[in-house]
N, C-alpha and C. Protein backbone atom coordinates (compact mmCIF):
# COMPACT_ATOMS: atom_id res chain seq x y z
N UNK A 1 20.99 22.28 -9.37
CA UNK A 1 21.98 21.24 -9.52
C UNK A 1 21.25 19.90 -9.63
N UNK A 2 21.63 19.12 -10.61
CA UNK A 2 20.96 17.83 -10.78
C UNK A 2 21.79 16.72 -10.14
N UNK A 3 21.08 15.70 -9.74
CA UNK A 3 21.71 14.55 -9.08
C UNK A 3 21.76 13.41 -10.08
N UNK A 4 22.89 12.74 -10.16
CA UNK A 4 23.03 11.60 -11.05
C UNK A 4 22.45 10.37 -10.37
N UNK A 5 21.59 9.67 -11.10
CA UNK A 5 20.94 8.47 -10.58
C UNK A 5 21.47 7.27 -11.35
N UNK A 6 21.88 6.25 -10.63
CA UNK A 6 22.40 5.06 -11.30
C UNK A 6 21.28 4.30 -12.00
N UNK A 7 21.65 3.56 -13.01
CA UNK A 7 20.68 2.73 -13.72
C UNK A 7 20.06 1.72 -12.78
N UNK A 8 20.85 1.16 -11.88
CA UNK A 8 20.33 0.17 -10.92
C UNK A 8 19.28 0.79 -10.00
N UNK A 9 19.55 2.01 -9.53
CA UNK A 9 18.59 2.68 -8.65
C UNK A 9 17.31 3.04 -9.42
N UNK A 10 17.46 3.52 -10.64
CA UNK A 10 16.30 3.86 -11.46
C UNK A 10 15.45 2.61 -11.71
N UNK A 11 16.10 1.49 -11.96
CA UNK A 11 15.38 0.23 -12.16
C UNK A 11 14.66 -0.20 -10.89
N UNK A 12 15.32 -0.05 -9.74
CA UNK A 12 14.70 -0.36 -8.45
C UNK A 12 13.44 0.48 -8.25
N UNK A 13 13.54 1.77 -8.49
CA UNK A 13 12.39 2.67 -8.32
C UNK A 13 11.24 2.28 -9.24
N UNK A 14 11.56 1.93 -10.49
CA UNK A 14 10.53 1.53 -11.44
C UNK A 14 9.86 0.23 -10.99
N UNK A 15 10.66 -0.72 -10.49
CA UNK A 15 10.09 -1.98 -9.99
C UNK A 15 9.14 -1.73 -8.83
N UNK A 16 9.53 -0.86 -7.93
CA UNK A 16 8.70 -0.58 -6.75
C UNK A 16 7.45 0.19 -7.16
N UNK A 17 7.56 1.08 -8.13
CA UNK A 17 6.38 1.80 -8.62
C UNK A 17 5.38 0.81 -9.22
N UNK A 18 5.86 -0.14 -10.01
CA UNK A 18 4.98 -1.16 -10.60
C UNK A 18 4.35 -2.01 -9.51
N UNK A 19 5.15 -2.38 -8.50
CA UNK A 19 4.62 -3.17 -7.38
C UNK A 19 3.49 -2.43 -6.68
N UNK A 20 3.73 -1.17 -6.33
CA UNK A 20 2.70 -0.40 -5.62
C UNK A 20 1.44 -0.21 -6.48
N UNK A 21 1.61 0.05 -7.76
CA UNK A 21 0.44 0.22 -8.65
C UNK A 21 -0.40 -1.05 -8.67
N UNK A 22 0.25 -2.19 -8.81
CA UNK A 22 -0.48 -3.46 -8.82
C UNK A 22 -1.14 -3.71 -7.48
N UNK A 23 -0.42 -3.45 -6.40
CA UNK A 23 -0.95 -3.70 -5.07
C UNK A 23 -2.19 -2.85 -4.79
N UNK A 24 -2.15 -1.58 -5.15
CA UNK A 24 -3.30 -0.70 -4.92
C UNK A 24 -4.49 -1.13 -5.78
N UNK A 25 -4.23 -1.56 -7.01
CA UNK A 25 -5.31 -2.04 -7.87
C UNK A 25 -5.96 -3.28 -7.28
N UNK A 26 -5.16 -4.20 -6.75
CA UNK A 26 -5.71 -5.40 -6.11
C UNK A 26 -6.59 -5.03 -4.92
N UNK A 27 -6.12 -4.09 -4.10
CA UNK A 27 -6.88 -3.65 -2.94
C UNK A 27 -8.20 -3.01 -3.37
N UNK A 28 -8.14 -2.09 -4.31
CA UNK A 28 -9.33 -1.36 -4.72
C UNK A 28 -10.35 -2.24 -5.44
N UNK A 29 -9.89 -3.30 -6.07
CA UNK A 29 -10.81 -4.21 -6.77
C UNK A 29 -11.42 -5.24 -5.84
N UNK A 30 -10.94 -5.30 -4.59
CA UNK A 30 -11.47 -6.26 -3.63
C UNK A 30 -10.85 -7.64 -3.74
N UNK A 31 -9.72 -7.76 -4.44
CA UNK A 31 -9.03 -9.05 -4.55
C UNK A 31 -8.25 -9.29 -3.27
N UNK A 32 -8.95 -9.78 -2.26
CA UNK A 32 -8.38 -9.91 -0.92
C UNK A 32 -7.16 -10.82 -0.89
N UNK A 33 -7.28 -11.99 -1.51
CA UNK A 33 -6.16 -12.93 -1.49
C UNK A 33 -4.98 -12.41 -2.30
N UNK A 34 -5.29 -11.79 -3.45
CA UNK A 34 -4.22 -11.22 -4.27
C UNK A 34 -3.47 -10.12 -3.54
N UNK A 35 -4.23 -9.24 -2.86
CA UNK A 35 -3.59 -8.16 -2.10
C UNK A 35 -2.77 -8.73 -0.94
N UNK A 36 -3.35 -9.66 -0.21
CA UNK A 36 -2.64 -10.25 0.94
C UNK A 36 -1.36 -10.95 0.49
N UNK A 37 -1.36 -11.51 -0.71
CA UNK A 37 -0.18 -12.21 -1.23
C UNK A 37 0.97 -11.25 -1.53
N UNK A 38 0.70 -9.93 -1.55
CA UNK A 38 1.77 -8.97 -1.77
C UNK A 38 2.52 -8.66 -0.47
N UNK A 39 2.11 -9.28 0.62
CA UNK A 39 2.80 -9.18 1.91
C UNK A 39 3.57 -10.47 2.15
N UNK A 40 4.58 -10.42 2.99
CA UNK A 40 5.23 -11.65 3.42
C UNK A 40 4.21 -12.45 4.23
N UNK A 41 4.47 -13.72 4.42
CA UNK A 41 3.52 -14.58 5.15
C UNK A 41 3.18 -13.99 6.51
N UNK A 42 4.16 -13.39 7.18
CA UNK A 42 3.93 -12.79 8.50
C UNK A 42 3.91 -11.26 8.42
N UNK A 43 3.60 -10.73 7.24
CA UNK A 43 3.62 -9.29 7.02
C UNK A 43 2.74 -8.53 8.00
N UNK A 44 3.18 -7.32 8.33
CA UNK A 44 2.49 -6.47 9.29
C UNK A 44 1.92 -5.26 8.59
N UNK A 45 0.64 -4.94 8.89
CA UNK A 45 -0.04 -3.77 8.34
C UNK A 45 -0.64 -3.01 9.51
N UNK A 46 -0.19 -1.77 9.69
CA UNK A 46 -0.65 -0.95 10.82
C UNK A 46 -1.36 0.29 10.29
N UNK A 47 -2.68 0.16 9.99
CA UNK A 47 -3.44 1.31 9.52
C UNK A 47 -3.98 2.11 10.70
N UNK A 48 -4.26 3.39 10.50
CA UNK A 48 -4.76 4.22 11.61
C UNK A 48 -6.20 3.88 12.00
N UNK A 49 -6.89 3.11 11.16
CA UNK A 49 -8.29 2.79 11.43
C UNK A 49 -8.47 1.63 12.41
N UNK A 50 -7.38 0.96 12.76
CA UNK A 50 -7.47 -0.20 13.66
C UNK A 50 -6.65 0.06 14.93
N UNK A 51 -7.12 -0.48 16.07
CA UNK A 51 -6.40 -0.26 17.32
C UNK A 51 -5.07 -1.02 17.39
N UNK A 52 -4.97 -2.13 16.66
CA UNK A 52 -3.76 -2.95 16.65
C UNK A 52 -3.38 -3.28 15.22
N UNK A 53 -2.09 -3.46 14.94
CA UNK A 53 -1.68 -3.88 13.60
C UNK A 53 -2.25 -5.25 13.24
N UNK A 54 -2.39 -5.49 11.95
CA UNK A 54 -2.82 -6.78 11.44
C UNK A 54 -1.57 -7.51 10.99
N UNK A 55 -1.47 -8.80 11.34
CA UNK A 55 -0.29 -9.57 10.95
C UNK A 55 -0.72 -10.87 10.29
N UNK A 56 -0.09 -11.16 9.16
CA UNK A 56 -0.31 -12.42 8.46
C UNK A 56 -1.31 -12.30 7.32
N UNK A 57 -1.05 -13.08 6.28
CA UNK A 57 -1.87 -13.00 5.07
C UNK A 57 -3.34 -13.33 5.31
N UNK A 58 -3.63 -14.33 6.13
CA UNK A 58 -5.03 -14.71 6.36
C UNK A 58 -5.80 -13.56 6.98
N UNK A 59 -5.23 -12.91 7.97
CA UNK A 59 -5.90 -11.79 8.63
C UNK A 59 -6.01 -10.59 7.69
N UNK A 60 -4.99 -10.35 6.89
CA UNK A 60 -5.03 -9.25 5.92
C UNK A 60 -6.15 -9.47 4.91
N UNK A 61 -6.25 -10.68 4.38
CA UNK A 61 -7.30 -10.99 3.40
C UNK A 61 -8.68 -10.86 4.01
N UNK A 62 -8.85 -11.33 5.23
CA UNK A 62 -10.15 -11.23 5.90
C UNK A 62 -10.58 -9.77 6.05
N UNK A 63 -9.64 -8.91 6.40
CA UNK A 63 -9.95 -7.49 6.54
C UNK A 63 -10.39 -6.86 5.24
N UNK A 64 -9.72 -7.19 4.15
CA UNK A 64 -10.09 -6.64 2.84
C UNK A 64 -11.46 -7.15 2.41
N UNK A 65 -11.71 -8.45 2.61
CA UNK A 65 -13.02 -9.00 2.25
C UNK A 65 -14.14 -8.27 2.98
N UNK A 66 -13.98 -8.07 4.29
CA UNK A 66 -15.01 -7.41 5.10
C UNK A 66 -15.20 -5.96 4.64
N UNK A 67 -14.12 -5.24 4.44
CA UNK A 67 -14.21 -3.83 4.03
C UNK A 67 -14.85 -3.70 2.66
N UNK A 68 -14.44 -4.56 1.73
CA UNK A 68 -14.98 -4.47 0.37
C UNK A 68 -16.48 -4.80 0.36
N UNK A 69 -16.89 -5.74 1.19
CA UNK A 69 -18.31 -6.10 1.29
C UNK A 69 -19.12 -4.90 1.79
N UNK A 70 -18.62 -4.22 2.82
CA UNK A 70 -19.31 -3.04 3.36
C UNK A 70 -19.40 -1.92 2.31
N UNK A 71 -18.30 -1.69 1.61
CA UNK A 71 -18.30 -0.63 0.60
C UNK A 71 -19.26 -0.96 -0.54
N UNK A 72 -19.27 -2.21 -0.99
CA UNK A 72 -20.18 -2.61 -2.06
C UNK A 72 -21.63 -2.43 -1.64
N UNK A 73 -21.95 -2.79 -0.40
CA UNK A 73 -23.32 -2.63 0.11
C UNK A 73 -23.73 -1.16 0.15
N UNK A 74 -22.76 -0.29 0.42
CA UNK A 74 -23.04 1.15 0.49
C UNK A 74 -22.99 1.81 -0.89
N UNK A 75 -22.58 1.06 -1.92
CA UNK A 75 -22.46 1.62 -3.26
C UNK A 75 -21.28 2.56 -3.40
N UNK A 76 -20.24 2.33 -2.60
CA UNK A 76 -19.08 3.22 -2.62
C UNK A 76 -17.87 2.51 -3.23
N UNK A 77 -17.15 3.25 -4.04
CA UNK A 77 -15.90 2.78 -4.62
C UNK A 77 -14.78 3.61 -4.00
N UNK A 78 -13.71 2.94 -3.60
CA UNK A 78 -12.55 3.67 -3.07
C UNK A 78 -11.34 3.38 -3.95
N UNK A 79 -10.55 4.42 -4.12
CA UNK A 79 -9.30 4.32 -4.87
C UNK A 79 -8.18 4.85 -4.00
N UNK A 80 -7.11 4.09 -3.93
CA UNK A 80 -5.91 4.49 -3.20
C UNK A 80 -4.90 4.99 -4.23
N UNK A 81 -4.57 6.27 -4.15
CA UNK A 81 -3.67 6.90 -5.11
C UNK A 81 -2.34 7.17 -4.41
N UNK A 82 -1.35 6.37 -4.73
CA UNK A 82 -0.04 6.47 -4.10
C UNK A 82 0.85 7.38 -4.94
N UNK A 83 1.45 8.38 -4.28
CA UNK A 83 2.29 9.34 -5.00
C UNK A 83 3.57 9.61 -4.22
N UNK A 84 4.47 10.32 -4.86
CA UNK A 84 5.73 10.82 -4.30
C UNK A 84 6.47 9.78 -3.48
N UNK A 85 6.64 8.60 -4.04
CA UNK A 85 7.38 7.55 -3.35
C UNK A 85 8.86 7.91 -3.26
N UNK A 86 9.36 7.92 -2.04
CA UNK A 86 10.79 8.14 -1.78
C UNK A 86 11.38 6.78 -1.45
N UNK A 87 12.25 6.29 -2.31
CA UNK A 87 12.80 4.94 -2.20
C UNK A 87 14.23 5.02 -1.70
N UNK A 88 14.51 4.38 -0.57
CA UNK A 88 15.88 4.33 -0.06
C UNK A 88 16.68 3.26 -0.78
N UNK A 89 17.99 3.40 -0.73
CA UNK A 89 18.86 2.33 -1.22
C UNK A 89 18.63 1.10 -0.35
N UNK A 90 18.79 -0.11 -0.89
CA UNK A 90 18.56 -1.32 -0.10
C UNK A 90 19.46 -1.39 1.14
N UNK A 91 18.89 -1.92 2.24
CA UNK A 91 19.66 -2.19 3.45
C UNK A 91 20.61 -3.35 3.19
N UNK A 92 21.45 -3.66 4.15
CA UNK A 92 22.41 -4.76 4.02
C UNK A 92 21.70 -6.09 3.74
N UNK A 93 20.49 -6.26 4.30
CA UNK A 93 19.75 -7.52 4.09
C UNK A 93 18.88 -7.48 2.83
N UNK A 94 18.97 -6.39 2.05
CA UNK A 94 18.21 -6.26 0.82
C UNK A 94 16.86 -5.59 0.97
N UNK A 95 16.45 -5.32 2.21
CA UNK A 95 15.16 -4.65 2.44
C UNK A 95 15.24 -3.21 1.94
N UNK A 96 14.13 -2.72 1.42
CA UNK A 96 14.05 -1.36 0.91
C UNK A 96 12.95 -0.61 1.66
N UNK A 97 13.29 0.55 2.16
CA UNK A 97 12.30 1.40 2.85
C UNK A 97 11.75 2.41 1.85
N UNK A 98 10.43 2.53 1.86
CA UNK A 98 9.75 3.44 0.93
C UNK A 98 8.74 4.27 1.72
N UNK A 99 8.80 5.59 1.52
CA UNK A 99 7.83 6.50 2.13
C UNK A 99 7.06 7.15 1.00
N UNK A 100 5.74 7.18 1.14
CA UNK A 100 4.91 7.77 0.09
C UNK A 100 3.68 8.43 0.69
N UNK A 101 3.02 9.22 -0.14
CA UNK A 101 1.73 9.80 0.23
C UNK A 101 0.65 8.95 -0.43
N UNK A 102 -0.44 8.76 0.29
CA UNK A 102 -1.58 8.03 -0.26
C UNK A 102 -2.83 8.88 -0.08
N UNK A 103 -3.49 9.13 -1.18
CA UNK A 103 -4.80 9.79 -1.15
C UNK A 103 -5.85 8.69 -1.29
N UNK A 104 -6.84 8.70 -0.42
CA UNK A 104 -7.95 7.76 -0.53
C UNK A 104 -9.14 8.55 -1.03
N UNK A 105 -9.59 8.21 -2.23
CA UNK A 105 -10.70 8.90 -2.88
C UNK A 105 -11.92 7.99 -2.82
N UNK A 106 -13.03 8.52 -2.33
CA UNK A 106 -14.28 7.76 -2.21
C UNK A 106 -15.30 8.33 -3.19
N UNK A 107 -16.01 7.42 -3.87
CA UNK A 107 -17.04 7.83 -4.81
C UNK A 107 -18.30 7.00 -4.58
N UNK A 108 -19.40 7.68 -4.30
CA UNK A 108 -20.71 7.04 -4.23
C UNK A 108 -21.35 7.14 -5.61
N UNK A 109 -22.13 6.13 -5.95
CA UNK A 109 -22.78 6.11 -7.26
C UNK A 109 -23.52 7.43 -7.50
N UNK A 110 -23.33 7.97 -8.69
CA UNK A 110 -23.98 9.21 -9.14
C UNK A 110 -23.59 10.44 -8.32
N UNK A 111 -22.45 10.38 -7.65
CA UNK A 111 -21.96 11.54 -6.91
C UNK A 111 -20.51 11.84 -7.30
N UNK A 112 -20.09 13.03 -7.01
CA UNK A 112 -18.71 13.42 -7.31
C UNK A 112 -17.74 12.73 -6.36
N UNK A 113 -16.57 12.38 -6.84
CA UNK A 113 -15.56 11.81 -5.94
C UNK A 113 -15.17 12.83 -4.87
N UNK A 114 -14.76 12.32 -3.72
CA UNK A 114 -14.30 13.21 -2.65
C UNK A 114 -13.04 12.62 -2.04
N UNK A 115 -12.16 13.51 -1.63
CA UNK A 115 -10.95 13.08 -0.94
C UNK A 115 -11.34 12.69 0.47
N UNK A 116 -11.19 11.42 0.78
CA UNK A 116 -11.57 10.90 2.09
C UNK A 116 -10.44 11.05 3.10
N UNK A 117 -9.24 10.67 2.69
CA UNK A 117 -8.08 10.70 3.58
C UNK A 117 -6.83 11.10 2.83
N UNK A 118 -5.91 11.68 3.56
CA UNK A 118 -4.55 11.93 3.07
C UNK A 118 -3.63 11.29 4.10
N UNK A 119 -2.78 10.37 3.64
CA UNK A 119 -1.97 9.57 4.56
C UNK A 119 -0.51 9.54 4.14
N UNK A 120 0.33 9.16 5.08
CA UNK A 120 1.72 8.82 4.81
C UNK A 120 1.85 7.32 5.00
N UNK A 121 2.45 6.67 4.04
CA UNK A 121 2.63 5.22 4.07
C UNK A 121 4.13 4.94 4.14
N UNK A 122 4.53 4.17 5.14
CA UNK A 122 5.94 3.79 5.30
C UNK A 122 6.04 2.27 5.20
N UNK A 123 6.73 1.82 4.16
CA UNK A 123 6.87 0.39 3.88
C UNK A 123 8.29 -0.08 4.09
N UNK A 124 8.40 -1.33 4.49
CA UNK A 124 9.65 -2.08 4.40
C UNK A 124 9.35 -3.21 3.42
N UNK A 125 10.00 -3.16 2.25
CA UNK A 125 9.78 -4.15 1.21
C UNK A 125 10.97 -5.09 1.12
N UNK A 126 10.67 -6.35 0.82
CA UNK A 126 11.71 -7.36 0.63
C UNK A 126 11.37 -8.19 -0.60
N UNK A 127 12.39 -8.79 -1.19
CA UNK A 127 12.16 -9.71 -2.30
C UNK A 127 12.02 -11.10 -1.71
N UNK A 128 10.93 -11.76 -2.08
CA UNK A 128 10.65 -13.12 -1.60
C UNK A 128 10.13 -13.91 -2.79
N UNK A 129 10.75 -15.03 -3.08
CA UNK A 129 10.37 -15.85 -4.23
C UNK A 129 10.35 -15.03 -5.52
N UNK A 130 11.32 -14.13 -5.66
CA UNK A 130 11.47 -13.35 -6.88
C UNK A 130 10.51 -12.18 -7.04
N UNK A 131 9.73 -11.87 -6.00
CA UNK A 131 8.76 -10.78 -6.09
C UNK A 131 8.86 -9.87 -4.87
N UNK A 132 8.56 -8.59 -5.07
CA UNK A 132 8.52 -7.66 -3.95
C UNK A 132 7.34 -8.00 -3.05
N UNK A 133 7.56 -7.90 -1.75
CA UNK A 133 6.50 -8.12 -0.77
C UNK A 133 6.68 -7.10 0.36
N UNK A 134 5.58 -6.76 0.99
CA UNK A 134 5.61 -5.86 2.15
C UNK A 134 5.89 -6.70 3.39
N UNK A 135 6.96 -6.36 4.08
CA UNK A 135 7.23 -6.99 5.38
C UNK A 135 6.55 -6.20 6.48
N UNK A 136 6.57 -4.87 6.34
CA UNK A 136 5.93 -3.98 7.32
C UNK A 136 5.36 -2.78 6.58
N UNK A 137 4.14 -2.39 6.98
CA UNK A 137 3.54 -1.15 6.45
C UNK A 137 2.90 -0.40 7.61
N UNK A 138 3.31 0.86 7.76
CA UNK A 138 2.75 1.75 8.78
C UNK A 138 2.10 2.92 8.06
N UNK A 139 0.85 3.20 8.39
CA UNK A 139 0.11 4.28 7.74
C UNK A 139 -0.33 5.28 8.81
N UNK A 140 -0.07 6.55 8.54
CA UNK A 140 -0.54 7.61 9.44
C UNK A 140 -1.38 8.60 8.64
N UNK A 141 -2.40 9.13 9.30
CA UNK A 141 -3.27 10.11 8.66
C UNK A 141 -2.76 11.52 8.94
N UNK A 142 -2.92 12.39 7.97
CA UNK A 142 -2.49 13.78 8.15
C UNK A 142 -3.33 14.53 9.18
N UNK A 143 -4.57 14.10 9.38
CA UNK A 143 -5.46 14.83 10.29
C UNK A 143 -5.44 14.30 11.72
N UNK A 144 -4.51 13.40 12.00
CA UNK A 144 -4.38 12.86 13.36
C UNK A 144 -2.92 12.88 13.78
N UNK A 145 -2.70 12.99 15.11
CA UNK A 145 -1.30 13.01 15.58
C UNK A 145 -0.59 11.68 15.35
């Protein structure tokens, strides 16, 4: 049995897919300020690699700069591959919850790529100044509780 999808919902899903694609490209290219700008000013990012969530664009950008510097020194490239995004209908305040899988692929120069992590990413997205932004992002790893 097929489910009928409204044009508005299909458009919402396409917008969010474009947002996530751009955001992951910014992260993987090391564009710290560009990536941080995809969050609200007080946006929260809770990755499993840190003991506490990161809040605010300045702190988010600093984290990306440091990580990208370490990866470049090691000759490693990382790609975040976001798939199977499940997009909820907007909340009363317009926020949209999105759950997706993220594969983190690491490649060292002259070596085969390897799957580094498999994660679940849970976002709360809002429109701010005409653009989608992450208000909250929680990431959990499949190999940890």
